[in-house]
Amino acid sequence: MNKLDKNQISKLGHKINQLKKRISRTEISGNMEKVEFRKMRINKIKKKILEFSKKK
């Protein structure tokens, strides 16, 4: 994730949606081990998107 450019913003949005779906599925099944890690990844991706939008 260190080498991201503006062209990958749509891919990042897709990744956020994937992580959110995984979180919702694990909440249903009760397996909460990786939820905090996934939330951290979502926040990290959102920060990258904000950095790209500020550079424009």
PDB file of N, CA and C in Angstrom:
ATOM      1  N   MET A   1       0.809  -1.202   0.000  1.00  0.00           N
ATOM      2  CA  MET A   1       0.000   0.000   0.000  1.00  0.00           C
ATOM      3  C   MET A   1       0.849   1.261   0.000  1.00  0.00           C
ATOM      4  N   ASN A   2       2.122   1.142   0.081  1.00  0.00           N
ATOM      5  CA  ASN A   2       2.976   2.321   0.110  1.00  0.00           C
ATOM      6  C   ASN A   2       3.065   3.007  -1.237  1.00  0.00           C
ATOM      7  N   LYS A   3       2.908   2.278  -2.338  1.00  0.00           N
ATOM      8  CA  LYS A   3       3.101   2.813  -3.678  1.00  0.00           C
ATOM      9  C   LYS A   3       1.770   3.070  -4.369  1.00  0.00           C
ATOM     10  N   LEU A   4       0.920   3.872  -3.781  1.00  0.00           N
ATOM     11  CA  LEU A   4      -0.389   4.126  -4.365  1.00  0.00           C
ATOM     12  C   LEU A   4      -0.371   5.423  -5.171  1.00  0.00           C
ATOM     13  N   ASP A   5      -1.182   5.464  -6.207  1.00  0.00           N
ATOM     14  CA  ASP A   5      -1.331   6.699  -6.958  1.00  0.00           C
ATOM     15  C   ASP A   5      -2.813   7.017  -7.134  1.00  0.00           C
ATOM     16  N   LYS A   6      -3.095   8.155  -7.778  1.00  0.00           N
ATOM     17  CA  LYS A   6      -4.478   8.631  -7.895  1.00  0.00           C
ATOM     18  C   LYS A   6      -5.360   7.652  -8.658  1.00  0.00           C
ATOM     19  N   ASN A   7      -4.799   6.905  -9.569  1.00  0.00           N
ATOM     20  CA  ASN A   7      -5.584   5.998 -10.400  1.00  0.00           C
ATOM     21  C   ASN A   7      -6.153   4.831  -9.611  1.00  0.00           C
ATOM     22  N   GLN A   8      -5.684   4.601  -8.412  1.00  0.00           N
ATOM     23  CA  GLN A   8      -6.125   3.455  -7.625  1.00  0.00           C
ATOM     24  C   GLN A   8      -7.198   3.796  -6.597  1.00  0.00           C
ATOM     25  N   ILE A   9      -7.743   5.000  -6.652  1.00  0.00           N
ATOM     26  CA  ILE A   9      -8.735   5.394  -5.647  1.00  0.00           C
ATOM     27  C   ILE A   9      -9.975   4.508  -5.733  1.00  0.00           C
ATOM     28  N   SER A  10     -10.414   4.173  -6.932  1.00  0.00           N
ATOM     29  CA  SER A  10     -11.600   3.316  -7.050  1.00  0.00           C
ATOM     30  C   SER A  10     -11.317   1.924  -6.489  1.00  0.00           C
ATOM     31  N   LYS A  11     -10.109   1.435  -6.667  1.00  0.00           N
ATOM     32  CA  LYS A  11      -9.741   0.138  -6.101  1.00  0.00           C
ATOM     33  C   LYS A  11      -9.736   0.200  -4.581  1.00  0.00           C
ATOM     34  N   LEU A  12      -9.306   1.329  -4.039  1.00  0.00           N
ATOM     35  CA  LEU A  12      -9.289   1.482  -2.586  1.00  0.00           C
ATOM     36  C   LEU A  12     -10.706   1.493  -2.026  1.00  0.00           C
ATOM     37  N   GLY A  13     -11.614   2.164  -2.727  1.00  0.00           N
ATOM     38  CA  GLY A  13     -13.010   2.167  -2.301  1.00  0.00           C
ATOM     39  C   GLY A  13     -13.589   0.764  -2.300  1.00  0.00           C
ATOM     40  N   HIS A  14     -13.236  -0.005  -3.308  1.00  0.00           N
ATOM     41  CA  HIS A  14     -13.683  -1.405  -3.380  1.00  0.00           C
ATOM     42  C   HIS A  14     -13.121  -2.205  -2.209  1.00  0.00           C
ATOM     43  N   LYS A  15     -11.871  -1.956  -1.863  1.00  0.00           N
ATOM     44  CA  LYS A  15     -11.233  -2.665  -0.751  1.00  0.00           C
ATOM     45  C   LYS A  15     -11.924  -2.330   0.568  1.00  0.00           C
ATOM     46  N   ILE A  16     -12.286  -1.059   0.750  1.00  0.00           N
ATOM     47  CA  ILE A  16     -13.008  -0.654   1.961  1.00  0.00           C
ATOM     48  C   ILE A  16     -14.323  -1.407   2.055  1.00  0.00           C
ATOM     49  N   ASN A  17     -15.044  -1.501   0.928  1.00  0.00           N
ATOM     50  CA  ASN A  17     -16.326  -2.219   0.938  1.00  0.00           C
ATOM     51  C   ASN A  17     -16.130  -3.692   1.262  1.00  0.00           C
ATOM     52  N   GLN A  18     -15.077  -4.295   0.744  1.00  0.00           N
ATOM     53  CA  GLN A  18     -14.790  -5.700   1.058  1.00  0.00           C
ATOM     54  C   GLN A  18     -14.556  -5.883   2.551  1.00  0.00           C
ATOM     55  N   LEU A  19     -13.752  -4.992   3.135  1.00  0.00           N
ATOM     56  CA  LEU A  19     -13.455  -5.107   4.561  1.00  0.00           C
ATOM     57  C   LEU A  19     -14.712  -4.922   5.402  1.00  0.00           C
ATOM     58  N   LYS A  20     -15.584  -3.991   5.006  1.00  0.00           N
ATOM     59  CA  LYS A  20     -16.830  -3.773   5.739  1.00  0.00           C
ATOM     60  C   LYS A  20     -17.721  -5.013   5.683  1.00  0.00           C
ATOM     61  N   LYS A  21     -17.773  -5.668   4.512  1.00  0.00           N
ATOM     62  CA  LYS A  21     -18.573  -6.886   4.387  1.00  0.00           C
ATOM     63  C   LYS A  21     -18.017  -7.983   5.275  1.00  0.00           C
ATOM     64  N   ARG A  22     -16.699  -8.101   5.328  1.00  0.00           N
ATOM     65  CA  ARG A  22     -16.090  -9.118   6.184  1.00  0.00           C
ATOM     66  C   ARG A  22     -16.398  -8.852   7.649  1.00  0.00           C
ATOM     67  N   ILE A  23     -16.372  -7.578   8.049  1.00  0.00           N
ATOM     68  CA  ILE A  23     -16.684  -7.226   9.438  1.00  0.00           C
ATOM     69  C   ILE A  23     -18.122  -7.619   9.753  1.00  0.00           C
ATOM     70  N   SER A  24     -19.051  -7.309   8.855  1.00  0.00           N
ATOM     71  CA  SER A  24     -20.453  -7.637   9.131  1.00  0.00           C
ATOM     72  C   SER A  24     -20.673  -9.145   9.196  1.00  0.00           C
ATOM     73  N   ARG A  25     -19.971  -9.908   8.350  1.00  0.00           N
ATOM     74  CA  ARG A  25     -20.113 -11.370   8.393  1.00  0.00           C
ATOM     75  C   ARG A  25     -19.540 -11.948   9.678  1.00  0.00           C
ATOM     76  N   THR A  26     -18.411 -11.386  10.144  1.00  0.00           N
ATOM     77  CA  THR A  26     -17.829 -11.929  11.366  1.00  0.00           C
ATOM     78  C   THR A  26     -18.663 -11.561  12.584  1.00  0.00           C
ATOM     79  N   GLU A  27     -19.357 -10.420  12.533  1.00  0.00           N
ATOM     80  CA  GLU A  27     -20.235 -10.077  13.650  1.00  0.00           C
ATOM     81  C   GLU A  27     -21.392 -11.063  13.741  1.00  0.00           C
ATOM     82  N   ILE A  28     -21.851 -11.539  12.596  1.00  0.00           N
ATOM     83  CA  ILE A  28     -22.948 -12.518  12.590  1.00  0.00           C
ATOM     84  C   ILE A  28     -22.460 -13.860  13.132  1.00  0.00           C
ATOM     85  N   SER A  29     -21.270 -14.270  12.691  1.00  0.00           N
ATOM     86  CA  SER A  29     -20.766 -15.582  13.112  1.00  0.00           C
ATOM     87  C   SER A  29     -20.190 -15.562  14.525  1.00  0.00           C
ATOM     88  N   GLY A  30     -19.830 -14.372  15.018  1.00  0.00           N
ATOM     89  CA  GLY A  30     -19.309 -14.269  16.375  1.00  0.00           C
ATOM     90  C   GLY A  30     -17.801 -14.363  16.462  1.00  0.00           C
ATOM     91  N   ASN A  31     -17.124 -14.486  15.339  1.00  0.00           N
ATOM     92  CA  ASN A  31     -15.663 -14.572  15.327  1.00  0.00           C
ATOM     93  C   ASN A  31     -15.087 -13.162  15.233  1.00  0.00           C
ATOM     94  N   MET A  32     -14.772 -12.560  16.378  1.00  0.00           N
ATOM     95  CA  MET A  32     -14.394 -11.145  16.428  1.00  0.00           C
ATOM     96  C   MET A  32     -12.888 -10.918  16.500  1.00  0.00           C
ATOM     97  N   GLU A  33     -12.093 -11.922  16.160  1.00  0.00           N
ATOM     98  CA  GLU A  33     -10.644 -11.809  16.310  1.00  0.00           C
ATOM     99  C   GLU A  33     -10.036 -10.713  15.437  1.00  0.00           C
ATOM    100  N   LYS A  34     -10.431 -10.654  14.174  1.00  0.00           N
ATOM    101  CA  LYS A  34      -9.763  -9.764  13.236  1.00  0.00           C
ATOM    102  C   LYS A  34     -10.530  -8.476  12.954  1.00  0.00           C
ATOM    103  N   VAL A  35     -11.586  -8.208  13.688  1.00  0.00           N
ATOM    104  CA  VAL A  35     -12.408  -7.035  13.414  1.00  0.00           C
ATOM    105  C   VAL A  35     -11.617  -5.751  13.643  1.00  0.00           C
ATOM    106  N   GLU A  36     -10.879  -5.672  14.727  1.00  0.00           N
ATOM    107  CA  GLU A  36     -10.110  -4.460  15.018  1.00  0.00           C
ATOM    108  C   GLU A  36      -9.046  -4.212  13.957  1.00  0.00           C
ATOM    109  N   PHE A  37      -8.401  -5.278  13.485  1.00  0.00           N
ATOM    110  CA  PHE A  37      -7.404  -5.138  12.432  1.00  0.00           C
ATOM    111  C   PHE A  37      -8.043  -4.614  11.149  1.00  0.00           C
ATOM    112  N   ARG A  38      -9.220  -5.131  10.813  1.00  0.00           N
ATOM    113  CA  ARG A  38      -9.899  -4.691   9.596  1.00  0.00           C
ATOM    114  C   ARG A  38     -10.340  -3.243   9.707  1.00  0.00           C
ATOM    115  N   LYS A  39     -10.800  -2.826  10.890  1.00  0.00           N
ATOM    116  CA  LYS A  39     -11.172  -1.428  11.094  1.00  0.00           C
ATOM    117  C   LYS A  39      -9.952  -0.525  10.962  1.00  0.00           C
ATOM    118  N   MET A  40      -8.809  -0.985  11.452  1.00  0.00           N
ATOM    119  CA  MET A  40      -7.574  -0.225  11.319  1.00  0.00           C
ATOM    120  C   MET A  40      -7.208  -0.072   9.845  1.00  0.00           C
ATOM    121  N   ARG A  41      -7.355  -1.148   9.065  1.00  0.00           N
ATOM    122  CA  ARG A  41      -7.048  -1.094   7.633  1.00  0.00           C
ATOM    123  C   ARG A  41      -7.963  -0.105   6.911  1.00  0.00           C
ATOM    124  N   ILE A  42      -9.265  -0.102   7.273  1.00  0.00           N
ATOM    125  CA  ILE A  42     -10.215   0.832   6.664  1.00  0.00           C
ATOM    126  C   ILE A  42      -9.776   2.262   6.927  1.00  0.00           C
ATOM    127  N   ASN A  43      -9.401   2.566   8.183  1.00  0.00           N
ATOM    128  CA  ASN A  43      -8.963   3.916   8.523  1.00  0.00           C
ATOM    129  C   ASN A  43      -7.697   4.294   7.766  1.00  0.00           C
ATOM    130  N   LYS A  44      -6.794   3.356   7.600  1.00  0.00           N
ATOM    131  CA  LYS A  44      -5.553   3.606   6.881  1.00  0.00           C
ATOM    132  C   LYS A  44      -5.832   3.934   5.417  1.00  0.00           C
ATOM    133  N   ILE A  45      -6.741   3.201   4.799  1.00  0.00           N
ATOM    134  CA  ILE A  45      -7.092   3.443   3.400  1.00  0.00           C
ATOM    135  C   ILE A  45      -7.780   4.795   3.259  1.00  0.00           C
ATOM    136  N   LYS A  46      -8.663   5.140   4.206  1.00  0.00           N
ATOM    137  CA  LYS A  46      -9.349   6.433   4.149  1.00  0.00           C
ATOM    138  C   LYS A  46      -8.357   7.586   4.258  1.00  0.00           C
ATOM    139  N   LYS A  47      -7.335   7.425   5.087  1.00  0.00           N
ATOM    140  CA  LYS A  47      -6.310   8.463   5.213  1.00  0.00           C
ATOM    141  C   LYS A  47      -5.556   8.638   3.901  1.00  0.00           C
ATOM    142  N   LYS A  48      -5.261   7.521   3.211  1.00  0.00           N
ATOM    143  CA  LYS A  48      -4.582   7.599   1.917  1.00  0.00           C
ATOM    144  C   LYS A  48      -5.435   8.354   0.904  1.00  0.00           C
ATOM    145  N   ILE A  49      -6.737   8.077   0.887  1.00  0.00           N
ATOM    146  CA  ILE A  49      -7.633   8.752  -0.055  1.00  0.00           C
ATOM    147  C   ILE A  49      -7.671  10.252   0.240  1.00  0.00           C
ATOM    148  N   LEU A  50      -7.704  10.616   1.522  1.00  0.00           N
ATOM    149  CA  LEU A  50      -7.696  12.032   1.887  1.00  0.00           C
ATOM    150  C   LEU A  50      -6.403  12.714   1.456  1.00  0.00           C
ATOM    151  N   GLU A  51      -5.288  12.007   1.583  1.00  0.00           N
ATOM    152  CA  GLU A  51      -4.014  12.568   1.128  1.00  0.00           C
ATOM    153  C   GLU A  51      -4.049  12.854  -0.363  1.00  0.00           C
ATOM    154  N   PHE A  52      -4.621  11.934  -1.144  1.00  0.00           N
ATOM    155  CA  PHE A  52      -4.722  12.141  -2.586  1.00  0.00           C
ATOM    156  C   PHE A  52      -5.607  13.327  -2.926  1.00  0.00           C
ATOM    157  N   SER A  53      -6.715  13.465  -2.197  1.00  0.00           N
ATOM    158  CA  SER A  53      -7.634  14.566  -2.493  1.00  0.00           C
ATOM    159  C   SER A  53      -7.030  15.915  -2.107  1.00  0.00           C
ATOM    160  N   LYS A  54      -6.177  15.954  -1.080  1.00  0.00           N
ATOM    161  CA  LYS A  54      -5.528  17.205  -0.682  1.00  0.00           C
ATOM    162  C   LYS A  54      -4.472  17.637  -1.686  1.00  0.00           C
ATOM    163  N   LYS A  55      -3.824  16.651  -2.346  1.00  0.00           N
ATOM    164  CA  LYS A  55      -2.783  16.968  -3.317  1.00  0.00           C
ATOM    165  C   LYS A  55      -3.339  17.552  -4.594  1.00  0.00           C
ATOM    166  N   LYS A  56      -4.626  17.309  -4.878  1.00  0.00           N
ATOM    167  CA  LYS A  56      -5.229  17.815  -6.118  1.00  0.00           C
ATOM    168  C   LYS A  56      -5.302  19.278  -6.089  1.00  0.00           C
TER     169      LYS A  56
END
